[in-house]
PDB file of N, CA and C in Angstrom:
ATOM      1  N   MET A   1      71.280 -39.757 -11.449  1.00  0.00           N
ATOM      2  CA  MET A   1      69.833 -38.680 -11.451  1.00  0.00           C
ATOM      3  C   MET A   1      70.373 -37.778 -11.114  1.00  0.00           C
ATOM      4  N   ILE A   2      69.549 -36.949 -11.706  1.00  0.00           N
ATOM      5  CA  ILE A   2      69.834 -34.959 -11.759  1.00  0.00           C
ATOM      6  C   ILE A   2      69.102 -34.387 -10.881  1.00  0.00           C
ATOM      7  N   ARG A   3      69.658 -33.468  -9.810  1.00  0.00           N
ATOM      8  CA  ARG A   3      69.596 -32.924  -9.199  1.00  0.00           C
ATOM      9  C   ARG A   3      69.038 -31.928  -9.717  1.00  0.00           C
ATOM     10  N   GLY A   4      68.151 -31.371  -9.061  1.00  0.00           N
ATOM     11  CA  GLY A   4      66.926 -29.424  -9.240  1.00  0.00           C
ATOM     12  C   GLY A   4      67.530 -28.674  -9.060  1.00  0.00           C
ATOM     13  N   ARG A   5      67.167 -27.197  -8.499  1.00  0.00           N
ATOM     14  CA  ARG A   5      68.293 -26.800  -8.400  1.00  0.00           C
ATOM     15  C   ARG A   5      67.954 -26.304  -7.233  1.00  0.00           C
ATOM     16  N   PRO A   6      68.876 -26.125  -6.885  1.00  0.00           N
ATOM     17  CA  PRO A   6      69.468 -25.903  -5.709  1.00  0.00           C
ATOM     18  C   PRO A   6      69.498 -25.257  -4.452  1.00  0.00           C
ATOM     19  N   GLY A   7      68.491 -25.625  -3.534  1.00  0.00           N
ATOM     20  CA  GLY A   7      67.357 -24.442  -2.136  1.00  0.00           C
ATOM     21  C   GLY A   7      66.463 -24.429  -2.935  1.00  0.00           C
ATOM     22  N   ARG A   8      65.427 -24.672  -4.340  1.00  0.00           N
ATOM     23  CA  ARG A   8      64.119 -24.799  -4.191  1.00  0.00           C
ATOM     24  C   ARG A   8      64.130 -26.133  -4.455  1.00  0.00           C
ATOM     25  N   ASP A   9      64.093 -26.836  -4.081  1.00  0.00           N
ATOM     26  CA  ASP A   9      63.601 -29.051  -4.456  1.00  0.00           C
ATOM     27  C   ASP A   9      64.416 -29.347  -2.522  1.00  0.00           C
ATOM     28  N   ASP A  10      64.657 -28.442  -1.594  1.00  0.00           N
ATOM     29  CA  ASP A  10      65.234 -28.951  -0.858  1.00  0.00           C
ATOM     30  C   ASP A  10      63.879 -29.200  -0.033  1.00  0.00           C
ATOM     31  N   ASP A  11      63.875 -29.737   1.113  1.00  0.00           N
ATOM     32  CA  ASP A  11      62.979 -30.626   1.691  1.00  0.00           C
ATOM     33  C   ASP A  11      62.499 -29.403   2.214  1.00  0.00           C
ATOM     34  N   PRO A  12      61.693 -28.317   2.047  1.00  0.00           N
ATOM     35  CA  PRO A  12      60.787 -27.763   2.965  1.00  0.00           C
ATOM     36  C   PRO A  12      61.256 -28.344   4.549  1.00  0.00           C
ATOM     37  N   ASP A  13      61.087 -28.989   4.993  1.00  0.00           N
ATOM     38  CA  ASP A  13      61.198 -29.083   7.074  1.00  0.00           C
ATOM     39  C   ASP A  13      63.002 -28.899   7.053  1.00  0.00           C
ATOM     40  N   ARG A  14      63.823 -28.726   5.743  1.00  0.00           N
ATOM     41  CA  ARG A  14      64.862 -29.110   6.455  1.00  0.00           C
ATOM     42  C   ARG A  14      65.369 -27.623   6.224  1.00  0.00           C
ATOM     43  N   LEU A  15      64.470 -26.365   5.149  1.00  0.00           N
ATOM     44  CA  LEU A  15      64.769 -25.126   5.426  1.00  0.00           C
ATOM     45  C   LEU A  15      63.761 -24.861   6.446  1.00  0.00           C
ATOM     46  N   TYR A  16      62.797 -25.101   7.477  1.00  0.00           N
ATOM     47  CA  TYR A  16      61.848 -24.167   8.143  1.00  0.00           C
ATOM     48  C   TYR A  16      63.083 -25.386   9.355  1.00  0.00           C
ATOM     49  N   THR A  17      63.254 -25.410   9.521  1.00  0.00           N
ATOM     50  CA  THR A  17      64.608 -26.070  11.210  1.00  0.00           C
ATOM     51  C   THR A  17      65.592 -25.264  10.663  1.00  0.00           C
ATOM     52  N   LEU A  18      66.292 -24.771   9.399  1.00  0.00           N
ATOM     53  CA  LEU A  18      66.908 -24.065   9.590  1.00  0.00           C
ATOM     54  C   LEU A  18      67.333 -23.014   9.875  1.00  0.00           C
ATOM     55  N   THR A  19      65.359 -22.565   9.648  1.00  0.00           N
ATOM     56  CA  THR A  19      65.485 -21.050  10.072  1.00  0.00           C
ATOM     57  C   THR A  19      64.159 -20.874  11.790  1.00  0.00           C
ATOM     58  N   GLY A  20      64.262 -22.010  11.396  1.00  0.00           N
ATOM     59  CA  GLY A  20      63.309 -21.877  12.867  1.00  0.00           C
ATOM     60  C   GLY A  20      62.106 -21.559  12.764  1.00  0.00           C
ATOM     61  N   GLY A  21      62.064 -21.658  11.217  1.00  0.00           N
ATOM     62  CA  GLY A  21      60.512 -21.378  11.160  1.00  0.00           C
ATOM     63  C   GLY A  21      60.453 -19.264  10.416  1.00  0.00           C
ATOM     64  N   ARG A  22      61.466 -18.961  10.528  1.00  0.00           N
ATOM     65  CA  ARG A  22      60.930 -17.371  10.268  1.00  0.00           C
ATOM     66  C   ARG A  22      61.699 -17.393   8.579  1.00  0.00           C
ATOM     67  N   THR A  23      60.364 -16.702   8.464  1.00  0.00           N
ATOM     68  CA  THR A  23      60.959 -16.468   6.400  1.00  0.00           C
ATOM     69  C   THR A  23      62.076 -15.151   5.768  1.00  0.00           C
ATOM     70  N   ARG A  24      61.853 -14.222   7.291  1.00  0.00           N
ATOM     71  CA  ARG A  24      62.006 -12.936   7.505  1.00  0.00           C
ATOM     72  C   ARG A  24      63.421 -12.749   7.723  1.00  0.00           C
ATOM     73  N   PRO A  25      64.596 -12.550   7.872  1.00  0.00           N
ATOM     74  CA  PRO A  25      65.916 -12.010   8.638  1.00  0.00           C
ATOM     75  C   PRO A  25      65.608 -11.065   9.767  1.00  0.00           C
ATOM     76  N   ASP A  26      65.828 -10.578  10.924  1.00  0.00           N
ATOM     77  CA  ASP A  26      65.358  -9.638  11.678  1.00  0.00           C
ATOM     78  C   ASP A  26      66.196  -7.817  11.795  1.00  0.00           C
ATOM     79  N   SER A  27      67.125  -8.245  10.595  1.00  0.00           N
ATOM     80  CA  SER A  27      67.841  -7.371  10.542  1.00  0.00           C
ATOM     81  C   SER A  27      67.055  -6.322   8.605  1.00  0.00           C
ATOM     82  N   ASP A  28      67.715  -5.532   8.200  1.00  0.00           N
ATOM     83  CA  ASP A  28      67.505  -5.101   6.358  1.00  0.00           C
ATOM     84  C   ASP A  28      68.739  -4.527   6.040  1.00  0.00           C
ATOM     85  N   ALA A  29      69.649  -5.489   6.908  1.00  0.00           N
ATOM     86  CA  ALA A  29      71.302  -4.624   6.752  1.00  0.00           C
ATOM     87  C   ALA A  29      71.746  -5.661   5.806  1.00  0.00           C
ATOM     88  N   PHE A  30      70.977  -6.152   5.210  1.00  0.00           N
ATOM     89  CA  PHE A  30      71.887  -7.344   3.901  1.00  0.00           C
ATOM     90  C   PHE A  30      70.764  -7.579   2.540  1.00  0.00           C
ATOM     91  N   ASP A  31      71.813  -7.175   1.610  1.00  0.00           N
ATOM     92  CA  ASP A  31      70.834  -7.506   0.192  1.00  0.00           C
ATOM     93  C   ASP A  31      71.844  -8.337  -0.589  1.00  0.00           C
ATOM     94  N   LEU A  32      71.964  -8.580  -1.454  1.00  0.00           N
ATOM     95  CA  LEU A  32      72.738  -9.662  -2.986  1.00  0.00           C
ATOM     96  C   LEU A  32      74.197  -9.163  -2.581  1.00  0.00           C
ATOM     97  N   VAL A  33      74.654  -7.852  -2.992  1.00  0.00           N
ATOM     98  CA  VAL A  33      75.644  -7.505  -2.458  1.00  0.00           C
ATOM     99  C   VAL A  33      76.280  -6.853  -1.605  1.00  0.00           C
ATOM    100  N   THR A  34      75.635  -7.265  -0.772  1.00  0.00           N
ATOM    101  CA  THR A  34      76.143  -6.502   1.413  1.00  0.00           C
ATOM    102  C   THR A  34      77.008  -7.612   1.428  1.00  0.00           C
ATOM    103  N   LEU A  35      78.454  -7.335   1.815  1.00  0.00           N
ATOM    104  CA  LEU A  35      79.837  -7.958   2.173  1.00  0.00           C
ATOM    105  C   LEU A  35      79.771  -8.271   4.095  1.00  0.00           C
ATOM    106  N   VAL A  36      80.025  -9.791   3.655  1.00  0.00           N
ATOM    107  CA  VAL A  36      79.995 -10.084   5.252  1.00  0.00           C
ATOM    108  C   VAL A  36      81.206 -10.457   5.610  1.00  0.00           C
ATOM    109  N   VAL A  37      81.869 -10.556   6.825  1.00  0.00           N
ATOM    110  CA  VAL A  37      83.096 -10.432   7.111  1.00  0.00           C
ATOM    111  C   VAL A  37      83.132 -11.200   8.492  1.00  0.00           C
ATOM    112  N   SER A  38      83.517 -12.378   9.063  1.00  0.00           N
ATOM    113  CA  SER A  38      83.704 -13.339  10.661  1.00  0.00           C
ATOM    114  C   SER A  38      83.966 -12.169  11.406  1.00  0.00           C
ATOM    115  N   GLU A  39      84.125 -12.261  12.702  1.00  0.00           N
ATOM    116  CA  GLU A  39      84.170 -11.545  13.611  1.00  0.00           C
ATOM    117  C   GLU A  39      85.037 -12.652  14.905  1.00  0.00           C
ATOM    118  N   CYS A  40      84.638 -13.816  14.309  1.00  0.00           N
ATOM    119  CA  CYS A  40      85.389 -14.630  15.105  1.00  0.00           C
ATOM    120  C   CYS A  40      85.448 -16.062  14.679  1.00  0.00           C
ATOM    121  N   GLU A  41      85.876 -17.105  15.454  1.00  0.00           N
ATOM    122  CA  GLU A  41      85.794 -18.757  14.601  1.00  0.00           C
ATOM    123  C   GLU A  41      84.664 -19.128  15.536  1.00  0.00           C
ATOM    124  N   PRO A  42      84.142 -19.902  15.128  1.00  0.00           N
ATOM    125  CA  PRO A  42      83.245 -20.794  15.255  1.00  0.00           C
ATOM    126  C   PRO A  42      83.682 -21.507  16.518  1.00  0.00           C
ATOM    127  N   VAL A  43      82.285 -22.051  16.817  1.00  0.00           N
ATOM    128  CA  VAL A  43      83.344 -22.732  18.005  1.00  0.00           C
ATOM    129  C   VAL A  43      81.661 -24.102  18.240  1.00  0.00           C
ATOM    130  N   PRO A  44      82.196 -24.844  19.383  1.00  0.00           N
ATOM    131  CA  PRO A  44      81.858 -26.420  18.669  1.00  0.00           C
ATOM    132  C   PRO A  44      80.036 -25.757  20.016  1.00  0.00           C
ATOM    133  N   GLY A  45      78.870 -26.865  18.928  1.00  0.00           N
ATOM    134  CA  GLY A  45      77.851 -26.801  18.993  1.00  0.00           C
ATOM    135  C   GLY A  45      77.102 -25.358  18.155  1.00  0.00           C
ATOM    136  N   MET A  46      77.893 -25.060  17.247  1.00  0.00           N
ATOM    137  CA  MET A  46      77.189 -23.772  16.513  1.00  0.00           C
ATOM    138  C   MET A  46      76.650 -25.263  15.555  1.00  0.00           C
ATOM    139  N   GLN A  47      75.284 -24.737  14.934  1.00  0.00           N
ATOM    140  CA  GLN A  47      74.701 -24.989  13.843  1.00  0.00           C
ATOM    141  C   GLN A  47      75.658 -25.023  12.940  1.00  0.00           C
ATOM    142  N   SER A  48      75.277 -26.430  11.846  1.00  0.00           N
ATOM    143  CA  SER A  48      76.818 -26.651  10.786  1.00  0.00           C
ATOM    144  C   SER A  48      76.767 -25.492   9.492  1.00  0.00           C
ATOM    145  N   GLU A  49      75.712 -24.755   9.465  1.00  0.00           N
ATOM    146  CA  GLU A  49      75.240 -23.425   9.307  1.00  0.00           C
ATOM    147  C   GLU A  49      76.153 -22.291   9.203  1.00  0.00           C
ATOM    148  N   HIS A  50      75.500 -21.931   9.907  1.00  0.00           N
ATOM    149  CA  HIS A  50      76.895 -20.898  10.536  1.00  0.00           C
ATOM    150  C   HIS A  50      77.893 -20.900  10.369  1.00  0.00           C
ATOM    151  N   VAL A  51      78.427 -22.806  11.060  1.00  0.00           N
ATOM    152  CA  VAL A  51      80.277 -22.404  11.101  1.00  0.00           C
ATOM    153  C   VAL A  51      80.415 -22.716   9.934  1.00  0.00           C
ATOM    154  N   ALA A  52      80.155 -22.964   8.782  1.00  0.00           N
ATOM    155  CA  ALA A  52      80.106 -22.460   7.795  1.00  0.00           C
ATOM    156  C   ALA A  52      79.950 -20.698   6.331  1.00  0.00           C
ATOM    157  N   ILE A  53      79.359 -19.984   7.249  1.00  0.00           N
ATOM    158  CA  ILE A  53      78.862 -18.746   6.682  1.00  0.00           C
ATOM    159  C   ILE A  53      80.819 -18.362   8.001  1.00  0.00           C
ATOM    160  N   LEU A  54      81.302 -18.738   9.182  1.00  0.00           N
ATOM    161  CA  LEU A  54      81.649 -17.994   8.942  1.00  0.00           C
ATOM    162  C   LEU A  54      83.024 -17.942   8.288  1.00  0.00           C
ATOM    163  N   GLN A  55      83.036 -19.520   8.316  1.00  0.00           N
ATOM    164  CA  GLN A  55      84.704 -19.550   7.384  1.00  0.00           C
ATOM    165  C   GLN A  55      84.916 -19.524   6.408  1.00  0.00           C
ATOM    166  N   MET A  56      83.735 -19.799   5.671  1.00  0.00           N
ATOM    167  CA  MET A  56      84.262 -19.060   4.486  1.00  0.00           C
ATOM    168  C   MET A  56      84.109 -16.576   4.193  1.00  0.00           C
ATOM    169  N   CYS A  57      83.122 -16.396   5.010  1.00  0.00           N
ATOM    170  CA  CYS A  57      83.444 -15.336   5.736  1.00  0.00           C
ATOM    171  C   CYS A  57      84.951 -14.612   6.691  1.00  0.00           C
ATOM    172  N   ARG A  58      86.187 -15.053   6.594  1.00  0.00           N
ATOM    173  CA  ARG A  58      87.345 -15.367   7.122  1.00  0.00           C
ATOM    174  C   ARG A  58      87.753 -13.645   5.884  1.00  0.00           C
ATOM    175  N   ALA A  59      87.662 -13.936   4.534  1.00  0.00           N
ATOM    176  CA  ALA A  59      87.369 -12.770   4.503  1.00  0.00           C
ATOM    177  C   ALA A  59      86.212 -11.626   3.225  1.00  0.00           C
ATOM    178  N   PRO A  60      85.726 -10.977   2.934  1.00  0.00           N
ATOM    179  CA  PRO A  60      85.189 -10.058   2.383  1.00  0.00           C
ATOM    180  C   PRO A  60      83.809 -10.999   2.268  1.00  0.00           C
ATOM    181  N   THR A  61      82.770 -11.677   1.643  1.00  0.00           N
ATOM    182  CA  THR A  61      81.891 -12.239   0.561  1.00  0.00           C
ATOM    183  C   THR A  61      80.889 -11.533   0.397  1.00  0.00           C
ATOM    184  N   ALA A  62      79.893 -11.641  -0.666  1.00  0.00           N
ATOM    185  CA  ALA A  62      78.411 -11.238  -1.349  1.00  0.00           C
ATOM    186  C   ALA A  62      77.293 -12.190  -0.353  1.00  0.00           C
ATOM    187  N   VAL A  63      76.954 -12.045  -0.393  1.00  0.00           N
ATOM    188  CA  VAL A  63      75.281 -13.086   0.237  1.00  0.00           C
ATOM    189  C   VAL A  63      75.399 -13.442  -0.588  1.00  0.00           C
ATOM    190  N   VAL A  64      75.282 -12.921  -1.632  1.00  0.00           N
ATOM    191  CA  VAL A  64      75.009 -14.022  -3.386  1.00  0.00           C
ATOM    192  C   VAL A  64      75.532 -15.074  -3.342  1.00  0.00           C
ATOM    193  N   GLU A  65      77.328 -15.210  -3.432  1.00  0.00           N
ATOM    194  CA  GLU A  65      77.874 -15.599  -2.809  1.00  0.00           C
ATOM    195  C   GLU A  65      77.922 -17.026  -1.530  1.00  0.00           C
ATOM    196  N   ILE A  66      77.258 -16.279  -0.394  1.00  0.00           N
ATOM    197  CA  ILE A  66      77.233 -17.407   0.913  1.00  0.00           C
ATOM    198  C   ILE A  66      76.239 -18.262   0.641  1.00  0.00           C
ATOM    199  N   ALA A  67      75.034 -17.282  -0.692  1.00  0.00           N
ATOM    200  CA  ALA A  67      74.203 -19.009  -0.310  1.00  0.00           C
ATOM    201  C   ALA A  67      74.114 -19.509  -1.315  1.00  0.00           C
ATOM    202  N   ALA A  68      74.824 -19.256  -2.556  1.00  0.00           N
ATOM    203  CA  ALA A  68      75.493 -20.389  -3.404  1.00  0.00           C
ATOM    204  C   ALA A  68      75.779 -21.295  -2.970  1.00  0.00           C
ATOM    205  N   GLU A  69      77.073 -21.552  -1.832  1.00  0.00           N
ATOM    206  CA  GLU A  69      77.925 -22.060  -1.627  1.00  0.00           C
ATOM    207  C   GLU A  69      76.790 -23.303  -0.617  1.00  0.00           C
ATOM    208  N   LEU A  70      76.162 -22.327   0.260  1.00  0.00           N
ATOM    209  CA  LEU A  70      75.264 -22.870   0.744  1.00  0.00           C
ATOM    210  C   LEU A  70      74.185 -24.092  -0.107  1.00  0.00           C
ATOM    211  N   ARG A  71      74.157 -23.665  -0.514  1.00  0.00           N
ATOM    212  CA  ARG A  71      73.192 -23.971  -1.857  1.00  0.00           C
ATOM    213  C   ARG A  71      71.910 -24.053  -0.468  1.00  0.00           C
ATOM    214  N   LEU A  72      71.879 -22.763  -0.442  1.00  0.00           N
ATOM    215  CA  LEU A  72      70.124 -22.119   0.003  1.00  0.00           C
ATOM    216  C   LEU A  72      70.033 -21.416  -0.846  1.00  0.00           C
ATOM    217  N   PRO A  73      68.742 -20.950  -0.731  1.00  0.00           N
ATOM    218  CA  PRO A  73      67.582 -19.883  -1.019  1.00  0.00           C
ATOM    219  C   PRO A  73      68.484 -18.323  -0.388  1.00  0.00           C
ATOM    220  N   VAL A  74      68.606 -17.604  -0.982  1.00  0.00           N
ATOM    221  CA  VAL A  74      69.098 -16.149  -0.569  1.00  0.00           C
ATOM    222  C   VAL A  74      68.446 -15.702   0.868  1.00  0.00           C
ATOM    223  N   GLY A  75      66.701 -15.698   0.678  1.00  0.00           N
ATOM    224  CA  GLY A  75      66.572 -15.809   1.743  1.00  0.00           C
ATOM    225  C   GLY A  75      66.450 -16.420   2.944  1.00  0.00           C
ATOM    226  N   ILE A  76      66.431 -17.851   3.004  1.00  0.00           N
ATOM    227  CA  ILE A  76      67.291 -18.439   3.650  1.00  0.00           C
ATOM    228  C   ILE A  76      68.819 -17.767   4.384  1.00  0.00           C
ATOM    229  N   ALA A  77      69.072 -17.455   3.900  1.00  0.00           N
ATOM    230  CA  ALA A  77      70.329 -17.933   3.584  1.00  0.00           C
ATOM    231  C   ALA A  77      70.923 -16.167   4.416  1.00  0.00           C
ATOM    232  N   THR A  78      70.412 -14.695   4.101  1.00  0.00           N
ATOM    233  CA  THR A  78      69.596 -14.425   5.179  1.00  0.00           C
ATOM    234  C   THR A  78      69.627 -13.774   6.022  1.00  0.00           C
ATOM    235  N   VAL A  79      68.204 -15.337   6.624  1.00  0.00           N
ATOM    236  CA  VAL A  79      67.616 -15.234   7.352  1.00  0.00           C
ATOM    237  C   VAL A  79      69.557 -15.660   8.749  1.00  0.00           C
ATOM    238  N   LEU A  80      70.330 -16.952   8.383  1.00  0.00           N
ATOM    239  CA  LEU A  80      70.998 -17.150   8.668  1.00  0.00           C
ATOM    240  C   LEU A  80      72.305 -15.487   8.943  1.00  0.00           C
ATOM    241  N   LEU A  81      72.187 -15.742   8.567  1.00  0.00           N
ATOM    242  CA  LEU A  81      72.953 -13.972   8.286  1.00  0.00           C
ATOM    243  C   LEU A  81      72.692 -13.334   9.179  1.00  0.00           C
ATOM    244  N   SER A  82      71.604 -12.973   9.711  1.00  0.00           N
ATOM    245  CA  SER A  82      71.207 -12.131  10.642  1.00  0.00           C
ATOM    246  C   SER A  82      71.546 -13.083  11.927  1.00  0.00           C
ATOM    247  N   ASP A  83      70.903 -14.482  12.023  1.00  0.00           N
ATOM    248  CA  ASP A  83      71.143 -14.730  13.620  1.00  0.00           C
ATOM    249  C   ASP A  83      72.671 -14.193  13.996  1.00  0.00           C
ATOM    250  N   LEU A  84      73.493 -14.716  12.930  1.00  0.00           N
ATOM    251  CA  LEU A  84      75.369 -14.087  13.170  1.00  0.00           C
ATOM    252  C   LEU A  84      75.190 -12.255  13.336  1.00  0.00           C
ATOM    253  N   LEU A  85      74.935 -11.941  12.771  1.00  0.00           N
ATOM    254  CA  LEU A  85      75.037 -10.050  12.799  1.00  0.00           C
ATOM    255  C   LEU A  85      74.684  -9.985  14.351  1.00  0.00           C
ATOM    256  N   HIS A  86      73.274 -10.640  14.679  1.00  0.00           N
ATOM    257  CA  HIS A  86      72.675 -10.033  16.140  1.00  0.00           C
ATOM    258  C   HIS A  86      73.497 -10.477  17.043  1.00  0.00           C
ATOM    259  N   ALA A  87      74.362 -11.881  17.014  1.00  0.00           N
ATOM    260  CA  ALA A  87      75.245 -12.588  17.665  1.00  0.00           C
ATOM    261  C   ALA A  87      76.237 -11.788  17.887  1.00  0.00           C
ATOM    262  N   GLY A  88      76.922 -11.578  17.281  1.00  0.00           N
ATOM    263  CA  GLY A  88      78.446  -9.862  17.156  1.00  0.00           C
ATOM    264  C   GLY A  88      79.386 -11.238  16.655  1.00  0.00           C
ATOM    265  N   LYS A  89      79.344 -12.495  15.674  1.00  0.00           N
ATOM    266  CA  LYS A  89      79.616 -12.739  14.402  1.00  0.00           C
ATOM    267  C   LYS A  89      79.682 -12.423  14.162  1.00  0.00           C
ATOM    268  N   ILE A  90      79.939 -11.687  12.625  1.00  0.00           N
ATOM    269  CA  ILE A  90      80.075 -11.625  11.439  1.00  0.00           C
ATOM    270  C   ILE A  90      79.514  -9.827  11.887  1.00  0.00           C
ATOM    271  N   SER A  91      80.160  -8.933  10.902  1.00  0.00           N
ATOM    272  CA  SER A  91      80.005  -7.975  10.352  1.00  0.00           C
ATOM    273  C   SER A  91      79.142  -7.847   8.715  1.00  0.00           C
ATOM    274  N   ALA A  92      78.168  -6.476   8.862  1.00  0.00           N
ATOM    275  CA  ALA A  92      77.887  -6.047   7.684  1.00  0.00           C
ATOM    276  C   ALA A  92      78.055  -5.011   6.945  1.00  0.00           C
ATOM    277  N   ARG A  93      79.244  -5.060   5.740  1.00  0.00           N
ATOM    278  CA  ARG A  93      78.426  -3.376   4.851  1.00  0.00           C
ATOM    279  C   ARG A  93      78.516  -3.554   3.369  1.00  0.00           C
ATOM    280  N   HIS A  94      77.875  -2.911   3.096  1.00  0.00           N
ATOM    281  CA  HIS A  94      77.409  -2.267   1.416  1.00  0.00           C
ATOM    282  C   HIS A  94      78.544  -2.149   0.813  1.00  0.00           C
ATOM    283  N   PRO A  95      79.315  -2.455  -0.550  1.00  0.00           N
ATOM    284  CA  PRO A  95      80.604  -2.204  -0.918  1.00  0.00           C
ATOM    285  C   PRO A  95      80.263  -0.464  -0.998  1.00  0.00           C
ATOM    286  N   ARG A  96      78.996  -0.692  -1.243  1.00  0.00           N
ATOM    287  CA  ARG A  96      79.298   1.472  -1.606  1.00  0.00           C
ATOM    288  C   ARG A  96      80.146   1.947  -1.784  1.00  0.00           C
ATOM    289  N   VAL A  97      80.866   2.723  -2.324  1.00  0.00           N
ATOM    290  CA  VAL A  97      82.008   3.527  -2.557  1.00  0.00           C
ATOM    291  C   VAL A  97      81.615   5.494  -2.518  1.00  0.00           C
ATOM    292  N   ARG A  98      82.105   6.033  -1.635  1.00  0.00           N
ATOM    293  CA  ARG A  98      82.091   7.421  -1.700  1.00  0.00           C
ATOM    294  C   ARG A  98      82.000   7.582  -3.522  1.00  0.00           C
ATOM    295  N   ALA A  99      80.847   8.564  -3.757  1.00  0.00           N
ATOM    296  CA  ALA A  99      81.179   9.092  -5.298  1.00  0.00           C
ATOM    297  C   ALA A  99      82.505  10.377  -5.313  1.00  0.00           C
ATOM    298  N   THR A 100      82.535  11.226  -3.515  1.00  0.00           N
ATOM    299  CA  THR A 100      83.140  12.290  -3.781  1.00  0.00           C
ATOM    300  C   THR A 100      84.417  12.682  -3.309  1.00  0.00           C
ATOM    301  N   ASP A 101      85.774  11.173  -3.222  1.00  0.00           N
ATOM    302  CA  ASP A 101      86.274  10.104  -3.556  1.00  0.00           C
ATOM    303  C   ASP A 101      86.827  10.988  -4.261  1.00  0.00           C
ATOM    304  N   PRO A 102      87.460  12.136  -4.008  1.00  0.00           N
ATOM    305  CA  PRO A 102      88.953  12.942  -5.504  1.00  0.00           C
ATOM    306  C   PRO A 102      89.855  11.884  -5.729  1.00  0.00           C
ATOM    307  N   GLY A 103      89.852  11.821  -7.093  1.00  0.00           N
ATOM    308  CA  GLY A 103      90.775  10.847  -7.908  1.00  0.00           C
ATOM    309  C   GLY A 103      90.176   9.764  -7.884  1.00  0.00           C
ATOM    310  N   MET A 104      89.206   8.820  -7.452  1.00  0.00           N
ATOM    311  CA  MET A 104      88.456   8.050  -7.934  1.00  0.00           C
ATOM    312  C   MET A 104      87.141   7.819  -8.678  1.00  0.00           C
ATOM    313  N   PRO A 105      86.916   8.547  -9.567  1.00  0.00           N
ATOM    314  CA  PRO A 105      86.128   8.609  -9.946  1.00  0.00           C
ATOM    315  C   PRO A 105      85.074   6.759 -10.876  1.00  0.00           C
ATOM    316  N   TRP A 106      85.831   6.322 -11.181  1.00  0.00           N
ATOM    317  CA  TRP A 106      85.937   4.913 -11.639  1.00  0.00           C
ATOM    318  C   TRP A 106      84.938   4.473 -10.112  1.00  0.00           C
ATOM    319  N   GLN A 107      85.269   4.763  -8.846  1.00  0.00           N
ATOM    320  CA  GLN A 107      84.435   3.803  -8.261  1.00  0.00           C
ATOM    321  C   GLN A 107      83.315   3.926  -7.326  1.00  0.00           C
ATOM    322  N   SER A 108      83.305   4.739  -7.847  1.00  0.00           N
ATOM    323  CA  SER A 108      81.677   5.569  -8.081  1.00  0.00           C
ATOM    324  C   SER A 108      80.077   4.547  -7.862  1.00  0.00           C
ATOM    325  N   LEU A 109      79.088   4.686  -7.577  1.00  0.00           N
ATOM    326  CA  LEU A 109      78.428   3.766  -8.463  1.00  0.00           C
ATOM    327  C   LEU A 109      77.848   4.549 -10.026  1.00  0.00           C
ATOM    328  N   PRO A 110      77.511   4.509 -10.646  1.00  0.00           N
ATOM    329  CA  PRO A 110      76.571   5.079 -11.676  1.00  0.00           C
ATOM    330  C   PRO A 110      74.885   5.135 -11.660  1.00  0.00           C
ATOM    331  N   ASP A 111      74.772   6.379 -11.510  1.00  0.00           N
ATOM    332  CA  ASP A 111      73.159   6.471 -11.893  1.00  0.00           C
ATOM    333  C   ASP A 111      71.961   5.612 -11.544  1.00  0.00           C
ATOM    334  N   THR A 112      70.826   5.527 -10.860  1.00  0.00           N
ATOM    335  CA  THR A 112      70.007   5.096 -11.543  1.00  0.00           C
ATOM    336  C   THR A 112      69.559   4.900 -12.465  1.00  0.00           C
ATOM    337  N   SER A 113      69.520   6.219 -13.243  1.00  0.00           N
ATOM    338  CA  SER A 113      69.425   6.493 -14.922  1.00  0.00           C
ATOM    339  C   SER A 113      69.402   5.136 -16.110  1.00  0.00           C
ATOM    340  N   THR A 114      71.200   4.882 -15.674  1.00  0.00           N
ATOM    341  CA  THR A 114      71.901   3.796 -16.473  1.00  0.00           C
ATOM    342  C   THR A 114      71.854   2.894 -15.914  1.00  0.00           C
ATOM    343  N   LEU A 115      71.662   2.694 -14.787  1.00  0.00           N
ATOM    344  CA  LEU A 115      70.749   0.753 -14.729  1.00  0.00           C
ATOM    345  C   LEU A 115      69.919   0.059 -15.646  1.00  0.00           C
ATOM    346  N   GLU A 116      68.565   1.359 -15.234  1.00  0.00           N
ATOM    347  CA  GLU A 116      67.730   1.223 -15.799  1.00  0.00           C
ATOM    348  C   GLU A 116      68.205   0.791 -17.107  1.00  0.00           C
ATOM    349  N   LYS A 117      68.627   1.423 -17.486  1.00  0.00           N
ATOM    350  CA  LYS A 117      68.790   1.053 -19.157  1.00  0.00           C
ATOM    351  C   LYS A 117      70.095   0.085 -19.434  1.00  0.00           C
ATOM    352  N   VAL A 118      70.571   0.162 -18.895  1.00  0.00           N
ATOM    353  CA  VAL A 118      70.958  -1.505 -18.683  1.00  0.00           C
ATOM    354  C   VAL A 118      70.017  -2.867 -18.519  1.00  0.00           C
ATOM    355  N   LEU A 119      69.312  -2.035 -18.103  1.00  0.00           N
ATOM    356  CA  LEU A 119      68.277  -3.594 -17.363  1.00  0.00           C
ATOM    357  C   LEU A 119      67.523  -4.262 -18.028  1.00  0.00           C
ATOM    358  N   ILE A 120      66.464  -2.505 -18.951  1.00  0.00           N
ATOM    359  CA  ILE A 120      66.258  -3.216 -20.118  1.00  0.00           C
ATOM    360  C   ILE A 120      66.955  -3.453 -21.522  1.00  0.00           C
ATOM    361  N   GLY A 121      67.859  -3.238 -21.587  1.00  0.00           N
ATOM    362  CA  GLY A 121      69.142  -3.659 -22.536  1.00  0.00           C
ATOM    363  C   GLY A 121      69.360  -5.399 -22.216  1.00  0.00           C
ATOM    364  N   LEU A 122      69.248  -5.671 -21.723  1.00  0.00           N
ATOM    365  CA  LEU A 122      69.784  -7.170 -21.265  1.00  0.00           C
ATOM    366  C   LEU A 122      68.273  -8.120 -21.306  1.00  0.00           C
ATOM    367  N   ARG A 123      67.410  -7.188 -20.454  1.00  0.00           N
ATOM    368  CA  ARG A 123      66.004  -8.147 -21.106  1.00  0.00           C
ATOM    369  C   ARG A 123      65.542  -8.235 -22.553  1.00  0.00           C
ATOM    370  N   SER A 124      66.215  -7.380 -23.588  1.00  0.00           N
ATOM    371  CA  SER A 124      65.520  -7.706 -24.815  1.00  0.00           C
ATOM    372  C   SER A 124      66.059  -8.416 -24.954  1.00  0.00           C
ATOM    373  N   LEU A 125      67.593  -9.232 -24.888  1.00  0.00           N
ATOM    374  CA  LEU A 125      68.453  -9.572 -24.905  1.00  0.00           C
ATOM    375  C   LEU A 125      67.812 -12.205 -25.379  1.00  0.00           C
TER     376      LEU A 125
END
């Protein structure tokens, strides 16, 4: 049997149960590249997805990687991450590096116009 797309073909009742019916996170701290780090170990009685996130994020892990590993849509993963953030069990930060750091120009982010040109180029492929 061929499995469908992870997260997209899952039972909607399961996804509803995972998030308690919420469709949006309580925090705007997350985007696809936000790095998440565990601040504690899992405790007995935690939801299995929360346990998996805490174990996975012992090292900084991007939101998109977490969603892929859990085989959940990113929106559902961000709701779960928001729960953990509010409980103080994870920390989240965007991987941006200050462009003003002297001697490290390769770590600054490209300007928006460059990113738009790349996106247009990719769409034309």
